[in-house]
């Protein structure tokens, strides 16, 4: 079979051989380019999916904590409404986070009354996020991240900041073009 192919190639004139060689080179190089391009596109889509998942988880977490700021206390209902963009109502995650906002605000107010300081949260800033694990399966994802943050307080006498770090597990599901949190949990005792 191979010998037959060589005899046919020898029988061809130079012009036909050059055209055939160019076609083969173009096919090989072009095919390699198409495979490479498809791989790059797939990789880019995967990276974008990872970014979308992490952003959805952090944005929901951020909305919940921003509701605690002194300047936002009159707008708590708006923040509870914003949570609908990030938490899935069908799993109970949305209702749980809305209740958590109430509990956090109540705890903040109780702390301010306990020591008569009039303490109020002035800012809440995320200083770093380190993704520890991300597992994506088609329309669902599990994300574990370490989140470091600063909370700035103001009392009647002074301003001060505290630093916090939590490891948080999120479970998300794809809903249309966005990701919604179906479960969020602090990893107890793990502030590494």
N, C-alpha and C. Protein backbone atom coordinates (compact mmCIF):
# COMPACT_ATOMS: atom_id res chain seq x y z
N UNK A 1 0.83 -1.18 0.00
CA UNK A 1 0.00 0.00 0.00
C UNK A 1 0.87 1.25 0.00
N UNK A 2 1.89 1.27 0.84
CA UNK A 2 2.79 2.41 0.91
C UNK A 2 3.58 2.54 -0.38
N UNK A 3 4.04 1.39 -0.93
CA UNK A 3 4.80 1.37 -2.18
C UNK A 3 3.95 1.89 -3.33
N UNK A 4 2.67 1.55 -3.33
CA UNK A 4 1.74 2.00 -4.36
C UNK A 4 1.61 3.52 -4.33
N UNK A 5 1.53 4.12 -3.12
CA UNK A 5 1.42 5.56 -2.94
C UNK A 5 2.67 6.26 -3.47
N UNK A 6 3.84 5.68 -3.21
CA UNK A 6 5.11 6.26 -3.68
C UNK A 6 5.17 6.23 -5.21
N UNK A 7 4.71 5.13 -5.83
CA UNK A 7 4.70 5.04 -7.30
C UNK A 7 3.80 6.11 -7.90
N UNK A 8 2.65 6.36 -7.27
CA UNK A 8 1.73 7.37 -7.77
C UNK A 8 2.34 8.76 -7.61
N UNK A 9 3.04 9.02 -6.51
CA UNK A 9 3.68 10.31 -6.30
C UNK A 9 4.77 10.55 -7.34
N UNK A 10 5.55 9.52 -7.68
CA UNK A 10 6.61 9.65 -8.68
C UNK A 10 6.03 9.92 -10.06
N UNK A 11 4.83 9.38 -10.30
CA UNK A 11 4.20 9.55 -11.61
C UNK A 11 3.65 10.97 -11.79
N UNK A 12 3.40 11.69 -10.70
CA UNK A 12 2.85 13.05 -10.80
C UNK A 12 3.91 14.02 -11.27
N UNK A 13 3.45 15.08 -11.95
CA UNK A 13 4.42 16.09 -12.37
C UNK A 13 4.74 17.00 -11.19
N UNK A 14 5.77 17.82 -11.34
CA UNK A 14 6.23 18.68 -10.23
C UNK A 14 5.16 19.65 -9.77
N UNK A 15 4.41 20.21 -10.69
CA UNK A 15 3.37 21.19 -10.34
C UNK A 15 2.31 20.55 -9.44
N UNK A 16 1.87 19.39 -9.77
CA UNK A 16 0.87 18.68 -8.97
C UNK A 16 1.43 18.33 -7.60
N UNK A 17 2.71 17.91 -7.55
CA UNK A 17 3.34 17.58 -6.27
C UNK A 17 3.44 18.81 -5.36
N UNK A 18 3.79 19.96 -5.92
CA UNK A 18 3.89 21.18 -5.13
C UNK A 18 2.52 21.56 -4.58
N UNK A 19 1.49 21.49 -5.41
CA UNK A 19 0.12 21.83 -4.96
C UNK A 19 -0.31 20.86 -3.85
N UNK A 20 -0.05 19.59 -4.05
CA UNK A 20 -0.41 18.59 -3.04
C UNK A 20 0.33 18.84 -1.73
N UNK A 21 1.62 19.17 -1.82
CA UNK A 21 2.41 19.46 -0.62
C UNK A 21 1.86 20.67 0.13
N UNK A 22 1.52 21.72 -0.61
CA UNK A 22 0.96 22.92 0.02
C UNK A 22 -0.36 22.59 0.71
N UNK A 23 -1.21 21.81 0.05
CA UNK A 23 -2.49 21.42 0.64
C UNK A 23 -2.27 20.64 1.94
N UNK A 24 -1.33 19.71 1.93
CA UNK A 24 -1.04 18.91 3.13
C UNK A 24 -0.52 19.81 4.26
N UNK A 25 0.41 20.70 3.96
CA UNK A 25 0.96 21.60 4.97
C UNK A 25 -0.14 22.49 5.54
N UNK A 26 -0.96 23.07 4.67
CA UNK A 26 -2.06 23.93 5.13
C UNK A 26 -3.02 23.14 6.00
N UNK A 27 -3.33 21.92 5.61
CA UNK A 27 -4.25 21.10 6.38
C UNK A 27 -3.68 20.78 7.77
N UNK A 28 -2.41 20.42 7.81
CA UNK A 28 -1.79 20.08 9.10
C UNK A 28 -1.68 21.31 9.99
N UNK A 29 -1.14 22.39 9.45
CA UNK A 29 -0.96 23.61 10.24
C UNK A 29 -2.32 24.19 10.62
N UNK A 30 -3.23 24.27 9.66
CA UNK A 30 -4.56 24.82 9.92
C UNK A 30 -5.33 23.98 10.92
N UNK A 31 -5.22 22.66 10.78
CA UNK A 31 -5.89 21.77 11.74
C UNK A 31 -5.34 21.96 13.13
N UNK A 32 -4.02 22.08 13.22
CA UNK A 32 -3.39 22.33 14.53
C UNK A 32 -3.85 23.65 15.11
N UNK A 33 -3.96 24.67 14.26
CA UNK A 33 -4.43 25.99 14.72
C UNK A 33 -5.86 25.91 15.22
N UNK A 34 -6.72 25.18 14.49
CA UNK A 34 -8.12 25.05 14.91
C UNK A 34 -8.23 24.32 16.25
N UNK A 35 -7.46 23.25 16.40
CA UNK A 35 -7.47 22.52 17.67
C UNK A 35 -6.97 23.42 18.79
N UNK A 36 -5.89 24.15 18.53
CA UNK A 36 -5.33 25.07 19.53
C UNK A 36 -6.33 26.15 19.88
N UNK A 37 -6.98 26.71 18.87
CA UNK A 37 -7.96 27.77 19.09
C UNK A 37 -9.14 27.26 19.90
N UNK A 38 -9.63 26.05 19.59
CA UNK A 38 -10.74 25.47 20.33
C UNK A 38 -10.35 25.25 21.78
N UNK A 39 -9.11 24.78 21.99
CA UNK A 39 -8.62 24.56 23.35
C UNK A 39 -8.53 25.88 24.12
N UNK A 40 -8.01 26.93 23.45
CA UNK A 40 -7.91 28.25 24.09
C UNK A 40 -9.29 28.78 24.45
N UNK A 41 -10.25 28.61 23.55
CA UNK A 41 -11.61 29.11 23.80
C UNK A 41 -12.22 28.37 24.98
N UNK A 42 -12.04 27.05 25.02
CA UNK A 42 -12.56 26.25 26.12
C UNK A 42 -11.93 26.66 27.44
N UNK A 43 -10.63 26.90 27.42
CA UNK A 43 -9.92 27.33 28.62
C UNK A 43 -10.41 28.70 29.10
N UNK A 44 -10.62 29.60 28.14
CA UNK A 44 -11.11 30.94 28.48
C UNK A 44 -12.51 30.86 29.07
N UNK A 45 -13.37 30.02 28.48
CA UNK A 45 -14.74 29.86 29.00
C UNK A 45 -14.71 29.27 30.41
N UNK A 46 -13.83 28.31 30.66
CA UNK A 46 -13.71 27.70 31.99
C UNK A 46 -13.25 28.74 33.01
N UNK A 47 -12.26 29.54 32.64
CA UNK A 47 -11.76 30.58 33.53
C UNK A 47 -12.86 31.59 33.83
N UNK A 48 -13.62 31.98 32.82
CA UNK A 48 -14.71 32.93 33.02
C UNK A 48 -15.77 32.34 33.96
N UNK A 49 -16.05 31.06 33.82
CA UNK A 49 -17.02 30.40 34.70
C UNK A 49 -16.52 30.43 36.15
N UNK A 50 -15.23 30.18 36.35
CA UNK A 50 -14.66 30.21 37.70
C UNK A 50 -14.78 31.61 38.30
N UNK A 51 -14.49 32.62 37.51
CA UNK A 51 -14.60 34.01 37.98
C UNK A 51 -16.04 34.35 38.32
N UNK A 52 -16.98 33.94 37.46
CA UNK A 52 -18.40 34.22 37.71
C UNK A 52 -18.88 33.58 39.01
N UNK A 53 -18.44 32.37 39.27
CA UNK A 53 -18.84 31.66 40.49
C UNK A 53 -18.28 32.36 41.73
N UNK A 54 -17.00 32.67 41.71
CA UNK A 54 -16.38 33.35 42.86
C UNK A 54 -17.01 34.72 43.08
N UNK A 55 -17.25 35.47 42.02
CA UNK A 55 -17.87 36.79 42.15
C UNK A 55 -19.28 36.71 42.73
N UNK A 56 -20.06 35.72 42.30
CA UNK A 56 -21.42 35.57 42.83
C UNK A 56 -21.38 35.28 44.33
N UNK A 57 -20.51 34.38 44.74
CA UNK A 57 -20.41 34.03 46.17
C UNK A 57 -19.99 35.24 47.00
N UNK A 58 -18.95 35.94 46.55
CA UNK A 58 -18.45 37.08 47.33
C UNK A 58 -19.41 38.26 47.31
N UNK A 59 -20.09 38.48 46.20
CA UNK A 59 -21.02 39.60 46.13
C UNK A 59 -22.19 39.40 47.09
N UNK A 60 -22.70 38.18 47.17
CA UNK A 60 -23.78 37.90 48.12
C UNK A 60 -23.33 38.10 49.55
N UNK A 61 -22.14 37.62 49.85
CA UNK A 61 -21.60 37.76 51.20
C UNK A 61 -21.39 39.23 51.53
N UNK A 62 -20.93 39.99 50.56
CA UNK A 62 -20.67 41.42 50.76
C UNK A 62 -21.97 42.19 51.01
N UNK A 63 -23.02 41.91 50.25
CA UNK A 63 -24.32 42.60 50.43
C UNK A 63 -24.82 42.40 51.85
N UNK A 64 -24.72 41.18 52.33
CA UNK A 64 -25.19 40.86 53.68
C UNK A 64 -24.45 41.69 54.73
N UNK A 65 -23.17 41.84 54.58
CA UNK A 65 -22.38 42.60 55.56
C UNK A 65 -22.51 44.11 55.39
N UNK A 66 -22.70 44.57 54.16
CA UNK A 66 -22.92 46.01 53.95
C UNK A 66 -24.22 46.48 54.58
N UNK A 67 -25.19 45.60 54.70
CA UNK A 67 -26.46 45.97 55.33
C UNK A 67 -26.26 46.39 56.79
N UNK A 68 -25.17 45.96 57.41
CA UNK A 68 -24.89 46.26 58.81
C UNK A 68 -24.32 47.66 59.03
N UNK A 69 -23.86 48.30 57.96
CA UNK A 69 -23.25 49.62 58.12
C UNK A 69 -24.26 50.62 58.66
N UNK A 70 -23.78 51.50 59.50
CA UNK A 70 -24.64 52.52 60.10
C UNK A 70 -25.42 53.31 59.04
N UNK A 71 -24.76 53.68 57.95
CA UNK A 71 -25.42 54.48 56.91
C UNK A 71 -26.50 53.70 56.17
N UNK A 72 -26.52 52.39 56.29
CA UNK A 72 -27.49 51.57 55.56
C UNK A 72 -28.63 51.03 56.42
N UNK A 73 -28.64 51.31 57.70
CA UNK A 73 -29.65 50.72 58.57
C UNK A 73 -31.07 51.08 58.17
N UNK A 74 -31.27 52.25 57.62
CA UNK A 74 -32.61 52.66 57.18
C UNK A 74 -33.01 51.94 55.89
N UNK A 75 -32.03 51.34 55.22
CA UNK A 75 -32.29 50.68 53.94
C UNK A 75 -32.13 49.16 54.01
N UNK A 76 -32.34 48.58 55.17
CA UNK A 76 -32.13 47.14 55.34
C UNK A 76 -33.02 46.35 54.38
N UNK A 77 -34.25 46.80 54.18
CA UNK A 77 -35.16 46.09 53.27
C UNK A 77 -34.59 46.03 51.85
N UNK A 78 -33.94 47.11 51.43
CA UNK A 78 -33.32 47.12 50.10
C UNK A 78 -32.21 46.08 50.00
N UNK A 79 -31.43 45.96 51.06
CA UNK A 79 -30.34 44.99 51.05
C UNK A 79 -30.89 43.56 51.06
N UNK A 80 -31.97 43.34 51.78
CA UNK A 80 -32.58 42.01 51.77
C UNK A 80 -33.08 41.69 50.36
N UNK A 81 -33.59 42.69 49.67
CA UNK A 81 -34.04 42.51 48.30
C UNK A 81 -32.86 42.19 47.37
N UNK A 82 -31.74 42.89 47.57
CA UNK A 82 -30.54 42.65 46.75
C UNK A 82 -30.03 41.21 46.88
N UNK A 83 -30.25 40.63 48.06
CA UNK A 83 -29.80 39.25 48.26
C UNK A 83 -30.44 38.29 47.27
N UNK A 84 -31.60 38.66 46.74
CA UNK A 84 -32.28 37.80 45.76
C UNK A 84 -31.45 37.61 44.50
N UNK A 85 -30.54 38.54 44.23
CA UNK A 85 -29.67 38.41 43.06
C UNK A 85 -28.60 37.34 43.25
N UNK A 86 -28.36 36.94 44.50
CA UNK A 86 -27.22 36.06 44.78
C UNK A 86 -27.59 34.75 45.48
N UNK A 87 -28.71 34.73 46.21
CA UNK A 87 -29.09 33.53 46.97
C UNK A 87 -30.34 32.90 46.37
N UNK A 88 -30.37 31.57 46.34
CA UNK A 88 -31.47 30.82 45.75
C UNK A 88 -32.64 30.71 46.74
N UNK A 89 -33.82 31.23 46.37
CA UNK A 89 -34.95 31.16 47.30
C UNK A 89 -35.52 29.74 47.44
N UNK A 90 -35.37 28.90 46.43
CA UNK A 90 -35.98 27.56 46.48
C UNK A 90 -35.30 26.63 47.49
N UNK A 91 -34.07 26.93 47.88
CA UNK A 91 -33.35 26.06 48.82
C UNK A 91 -33.42 26.58 50.26
N UNK A 92 -34.00 27.75 50.44
CA UNK A 92 -34.03 28.35 51.78
C UNK A 92 -32.83 29.22 52.07
N UNK A 93 -31.87 29.25 51.15
CA UNK A 93 -30.65 30.04 51.37
C UNK A 93 -30.97 31.53 51.46
N UNK A 94 -31.90 32.02 50.66
CA UNK A 94 -32.26 33.44 50.68
C UNK A 94 -32.88 33.82 52.02
N UNK A 95 -33.86 33.06 52.47
CA UNK A 95 -34.53 33.35 53.75
C UNK A 95 -33.53 33.29 54.90
N UNK A 96 -32.63 32.31 54.85
CA UNK A 96 -31.62 32.17 55.91
C UNK A 96 -30.73 33.42 55.99
N UNK A 97 -30.29 33.92 54.83
CA UNK A 97 -29.42 35.10 54.82
C UNK A 97 -30.18 36.37 55.23
N UNK A 98 -31.44 36.46 54.85
CA UNK A 98 -32.24 37.61 55.26
C UNK A 98 -32.42 37.63 56.77
N UNK A 99 -32.66 36.45 57.37
CA UNK A 99 -32.75 36.36 58.84
C UNK A 99 -31.41 36.69 59.47
N UNK A 100 -30.33 36.26 58.84
CA UNK A 100 -29.00 36.53 59.37
C UNK A 100 -28.72 38.03 59.42
N UNK A 101 -29.17 38.78 58.43
CA UNK A 101 -29.01 40.24 58.46
C UNK A 101 -29.66 40.80 59.72
N UNK A 102 -30.88 40.37 60.01
CA UNK A 102 -31.57 40.84 61.22
C UNK A 102 -30.78 40.48 62.47
N UNK A 103 -30.27 39.27 62.53
CA UNK A 103 -29.52 38.81 63.72
C UNK A 103 -28.22 39.60 63.88
N UNK A 104 -27.52 39.85 62.79
CA UNK A 104 -26.27 40.60 62.87
C UNK A 104 -26.51 42.04 63.32
N UNK A 105 -27.54 42.66 62.78
CA UNK A 105 -27.86 44.03 63.18
C UNK A 105 -28.28 44.09 64.64
N UNK A 106 -29.08 43.12 65.08
CA UNK A 106 -29.50 43.07 66.48
C UNK A 106 -28.28 42.89 67.39
N UNK A 107 -27.34 42.04 67.00
CA UNK A 107 -26.13 41.82 67.80
C UNK A 107 -25.28 43.09 67.85
N UNK A 108 -25.17 43.79 66.72
CA UNK A 108 -24.42 45.05 66.68
C UNK A 108 -25.04 46.07 67.63
N UNK A 109 -26.37 46.18 67.59
CA UNK A 109 -27.06 47.15 68.45
C UNK A 109 -26.94 46.77 69.92
N UNK A 110 -27.03 45.48 70.22
CA UNK A 110 -26.90 45.03 71.61
C UNK A 110 -25.49 45.32 72.13
N UNK A 111 -24.48 45.11 71.31
CA UNK A 111 -23.10 45.39 71.72
C UNK A 111 -22.93 46.87 72.01
N UNK A 112 -23.54 47.72 71.23
CA UNK A 112 -23.43 49.16 71.43
C UNK A 112 -24.11 49.59 72.73
N UNK A 113 -25.20 48.93 73.07
CA UNK A 113 -25.93 49.28 74.30
C UNK A 113 -25.26 48.70 75.54
N UNK A 114 -24.67 47.51 75.41
CA UNK A 114 -24.04 46.84 76.54
C UNK A 114 -22.96 47.68 77.19
N UNK A 115 -22.10 48.25 76.37
CA UNK A 115 -21.00 49.01 76.96
C UNK A 115 -21.23 50.52 76.86
N UNK A 116 -22.42 50.89 76.46
CA UNK A 116 -22.81 52.31 76.39
C UNK A 116 -21.88 53.12 75.49
N UNK A 117 -21.29 52.47 74.50
CA UNK A 117 -20.31 53.16 73.66
C UNK A 117 -20.96 53.84 72.45
N UNK A 118 -22.15 53.39 72.11
CA UNK A 118 -22.78 53.90 70.90
C UNK A 118 -22.05 53.43 69.65
N UNK A 119 -21.36 52.30 69.79
CA UNK A 119 -20.54 51.77 68.70
C UNK A 119 -21.38 51.56 67.43
N UNK A 120 -20.82 51.97 66.31
CA UNK A 120 -21.48 51.80 65.02
C UNK A 120 -20.45 51.34 63.98
N UNK A 121 -20.87 50.48 63.07
CA UNK A 121 -19.98 50.02 62.01
C UNK A 121 -19.98 51.06 60.90
N UNK A 122 -18.79 51.55 60.59
CA UNK A 122 -18.65 52.58 59.56
C UNK A 122 -18.24 52.03 58.20
N UNK A 123 -17.44 50.97 58.20
CA UNK A 123 -17.07 50.37 56.92
C UNK A 123 -16.74 48.89 57.10
N UNK A 124 -16.91 48.20 56.02
CA UNK A 124 -16.63 46.77 55.96
C UNK A 124 -15.88 46.55 54.66
N UNK A 125 -14.60 46.17 54.74
CA UNK A 125 -13.79 46.04 53.54
C UNK A 125 -13.14 44.66 53.46
N UNK A 126 -13.31 44.02 52.32
CA UNK A 126 -12.63 42.75 52.08
C UNK A 126 -11.21 43.07 51.64
N UNK A 127 -10.23 42.53 52.36
CA UNK A 127 -8.84 42.83 52.02
C UNK A 127 -8.20 41.76 51.14
N UNK A 128 -8.66 40.52 51.25
CA UNK A 128 -8.12 39.49 50.35
C UNK A 128 -9.05 38.28 50.33
N UNK A 129 -8.95 37.56 49.23
CA UNK A 129 -9.71 36.32 49.05
C UNK A 129 -8.75 35.30 48.47
N UNK A 130 -8.69 34.14 49.09
CA UNK A 130 -7.86 33.05 48.58
C UNK A 130 -8.76 31.84 48.34
N UNK A 131 -8.91 31.48 47.09
CA UNK A 131 -9.75 30.32 46.76
C UNK A 131 -8.96 29.06 47.08
N UNK A 132 -9.54 28.23 47.93
CA UNK A 132 -8.88 27.00 48.36
C UNK A 132 -9.33 25.80 47.54
N UNK A 133 -10.60 25.81 47.09
CA UNK A 133 -11.10 24.70 46.28
C UNK A 133 -12.27 25.20 45.45
N UNK A 134 -12.35 24.71 44.23
CA UNK A 134 -13.46 25.03 43.35
C UNK A 134 -13.73 23.80 42.50
N UNK A 135 -14.94 23.26 42.65
CA UNK A 135 -15.34 22.06 41.92
C UNK A 135 -16.60 22.41 41.13
N UNK A 136 -16.48 22.37 39.81
CA UNK A 136 -17.60 22.73 38.94
C UNK A 136 -18.07 21.47 38.23
N UNK A 137 -19.37 21.22 38.33
CA UNK A 137 -19.98 20.09 37.63
C UNK A 137 -21.19 20.63 36.88
N UNK A 138 -21.00 20.91 35.61
CA UNK A 138 -22.05 21.38 34.72
C UNK A 138 -22.81 22.59 35.29
N UNK A 139 -23.91 22.35 35.98
CA UNK A 139 -24.77 23.44 36.46
C UNK A 139 -24.65 23.69 37.97
N UNK A 140 -23.70 23.04 38.65
CA UNK A 140 -23.50 23.25 40.08
C UNK A 140 -22.02 23.47 40.36
N UNK A 141 -21.75 24.09 41.51
CA UNK A 141 -20.36 24.34 41.89
C UNK A 141 -20.23 24.35 43.40
N UNK A 142 -19.06 23.95 43.87
CA UNK A 142 -18.71 24.06 45.28
C UNK A 142 -17.44 24.88 45.37
N UNK A 143 -17.45 25.89 46.23
CA UNK A 143 -16.33 26.81 46.37
C UNK A 143 -15.96 26.92 47.84
N UNK A 144 -14.68 26.84 48.12
CA UNK A 144 -14.16 27.10 49.46
C UNK A 144 -13.13 28.21 49.33
N UNK A 145 -13.28 29.25 50.17
CA UNK A 145 -12.34 30.37 50.09
C UNK A 145 -12.07 30.92 51.48
N UNK A 146 -10.86 31.45 51.64
CA UNK A 146 -10.50 32.21 52.84
C UNK A 146 -10.74 33.67 52.52
N UNK A 147 -11.54 34.33 53.36
CA UNK A 147 -11.87 35.73 53.14
C UNK A 147 -11.34 36.52 54.33
N UNK A 148 -10.48 37.51 54.05
CA UNK A 148 -9.96 38.40 55.08
C UNK A 148 -10.65 39.75 54.92
N UNK A 149 -10.98 40.37 56.06
CA UNK A 149 -11.71 41.63 56.00
C UNK A 149 -11.37 42.51 57.20
N UNK A 150 -11.66 43.80 57.04
CA UNK A 150 -11.52 44.77 58.11
C UNK A 150 -12.87 45.41 58.36
N UNK A 151 -13.20 45.58 59.62
CA UNK A 151 -14.42 46.30 59.99
C UNK A 151 -14.00 47.53 60.78
N UNK A 152 -14.44 48.70 60.32
CA UNK A 152 -14.12 49.95 61.02
C UNK A 152 -15.32 50.34 61.88
N UNK A 153 -15.05 50.54 63.16
CA UNK A 153 -16.07 50.93 64.12
C UNK A 153 -15.85 52.37 64.56
N UNK A 154 -16.92 52.99 64.95
CA UNK A 154 -16.80 54.33 65.53
C UNK A 154 -17.65 54.35 66.79
N UNK A 155 -17.06 54.83 67.86
CA UNK A 155 -17.77 54.98 69.12
C UNK A 155 -17.89 56.46 69.43
N UNK A 156 -18.45 56.76 70.58
CA UNK A 156 -18.57 58.17 70.97
C UNK A 156 -17.20 58.80 71.16
N UNK A 157 -16.21 57.98 71.53
CA UNK A 157 -14.89 58.50 71.86
C UNK A 157 -13.79 58.23 70.84
N UNK A 158 -13.95 57.20 70.04
CA UNK A 158 -12.83 56.81 69.17
C UNK A 158 -13.30 56.00 67.95
N UNK A 159 -12.39 55.85 67.02
CA UNK A 159 -12.59 54.96 65.88
C UNK A 159 -11.53 53.86 65.97
N UNK A 160 -11.88 52.67 65.58
CA UNK A 160 -10.91 51.58 65.56
C UNK A 160 -11.36 50.55 64.53
N UNK A 161 -10.43 49.69 64.14
CA UNK A 161 -10.72 48.63 63.17
C UNK A 161 -10.39 47.28 63.76
N UNK A 162 -11.10 46.30 63.28
CA UNK A 162 -10.79 44.91 63.63
C UNK A 162 -10.56 44.14 62.34
N UNK A 163 -9.76 43.10 62.45
CA UNK A 163 -9.43 42.25 61.32
C UNK A 163 -10.13 40.92 61.53
N UNK A 164 -10.65 40.35 60.48
CA UNK A 164 -11.27 39.04 60.57
C UNK A 164 -10.87 38.18 59.40
N UNK A 165 -10.90 36.89 59.62
CA UNK A 165 -10.61 35.94 58.54
C UNK A 165 -11.49 34.72 58.75
N UNK A 166 -12.18 34.35 57.71
CA UNK A 166 -13.04 33.17 57.77
C UNK A 166 -12.82 32.31 56.55
N UNK A 167 -12.92 31.01 56.75
CA UNK A 167 -12.99 30.08 55.62
C UNK A 167 -14.47 29.78 55.43
N UNK A 168 -14.92 29.94 54.20
CA UNK A 168 -16.34 29.79 53.91
C UNK A 168 -16.52 28.78 52.78
N UNK A 169 -17.52 27.91 52.96
CA UNK A 169 -17.92 26.97 51.90
C UNK A 169 -19.20 27.49 51.26
N UNK A 170 -19.21 27.53 49.94
CA UNK A 170 -20.41 27.89 49.21
C UNK A 170 -20.77 26.76 48.26
N UNK A 171 -22.07 26.56 48.09
CA UNK A 171 -22.57 25.71 47.02
C UNK A 171 -23.43 26.61 46.15
N UNK A 172 -23.27 26.50 44.85
CA UNK A 172 -23.99 27.35 43.91
C UNK A 172 -24.60 26.52 42.81
N UNK A 173 -25.62 27.10 42.16
CA UNK A 173 -26.19 26.45 40.99
C UNK A 173 -26.41 27.49 39.91
N UNK A 174 -26.33 27.04 38.68
CA UNK A 174 -26.51 27.92 37.53
C UNK A 174 -28.01 28.18 37.37
N UNK A 175 -28.36 29.44 37.25
CA UNK A 175 -29.75 29.83 37.04
C UNK A 175 -29.78 30.85 35.91
N UNK A 176 -30.15 30.41 34.73
CA UNK A 176 -30.07 31.28 33.56
C UNK A 176 -28.61 31.53 33.24
N UNK A 177 -28.24 32.81 33.18
CA UNK A 177 -26.84 33.16 32.89
C UNK A 177 -26.04 33.44 34.15
N UNK A 178 -26.68 33.39 35.32
CA UNK A 178 -25.97 33.73 36.56
C UNK A 178 -25.92 32.52 37.50
N UNK A 179 -25.10 32.68 38.54
CA UNK A 179 -24.95 31.65 39.56
C UNK A 179 -25.62 32.14 40.83
N UNK A 180 -26.36 31.23 41.52
CA UNK A 180 -27.03 31.56 42.78
C UNK A 180 -26.50 30.66 43.88
N UNK A 181 -26.34 31.24 45.05
CA UNK A 181 -25.85 30.48 46.21
C UNK A 181 -27.00 29.65 46.76
N UNK A 182 -26.77 28.35 46.90
CA UNK A 182 -27.78 27.47 47.48
C UNK A 182 -27.45 27.14 48.94
N UNK A 183 -26.19 27.30 49.30
CA UNK A 183 -25.77 27.04 50.67
C UNK A 183 -24.49 27.80 50.95
N UNK A 184 -24.41 28.38 52.16
CA UNK A 184 -23.21 29.10 52.59
C UNK A 184 -22.96 28.72 54.04
N UNK A 185 -21.73 28.36 54.34
CA UNK A 185 -21.41 27.96 55.72
C UNK A 185 -19.98 28.32 56.06
N UNK A 186 -19.80 28.87 57.25
CA UNK A 186 -18.46 29.08 57.78
C UNK A 186 -17.89 27.74 58.15
N UNK A 187 -16.61 27.55 57.91
CA UNK A 187 -15.95 26.34 58.34
C UNK A 187 -15.54 26.59 59.79
N UNK A 188 -16.16 25.89 60.76
CA UNK A 188 -15.89 26.17 62.16
C UNK A 188 -14.44 25.93 62.56
N UNK A 189 -13.88 26.88 63.28
CA UNK A 189 -12.55 26.74 63.84
C UNK A 189 -11.42 26.78 62.85
N UNK A 190 -11.71 27.06 61.58
CA UNK A 190 -10.65 27.07 60.57
C UNK A 190 -10.44 28.48 60.06
N UNK A 191 -9.48 29.17 60.62
CA UNK A 191 -9.15 30.55 60.18
C UNK A 191 -7.77 30.58 59.56
N UNK A 192 -7.39 29.47 58.91
CA UNK A 192 -6.04 29.38 58.33
C UNK A 192 -5.93 30.10 57.03
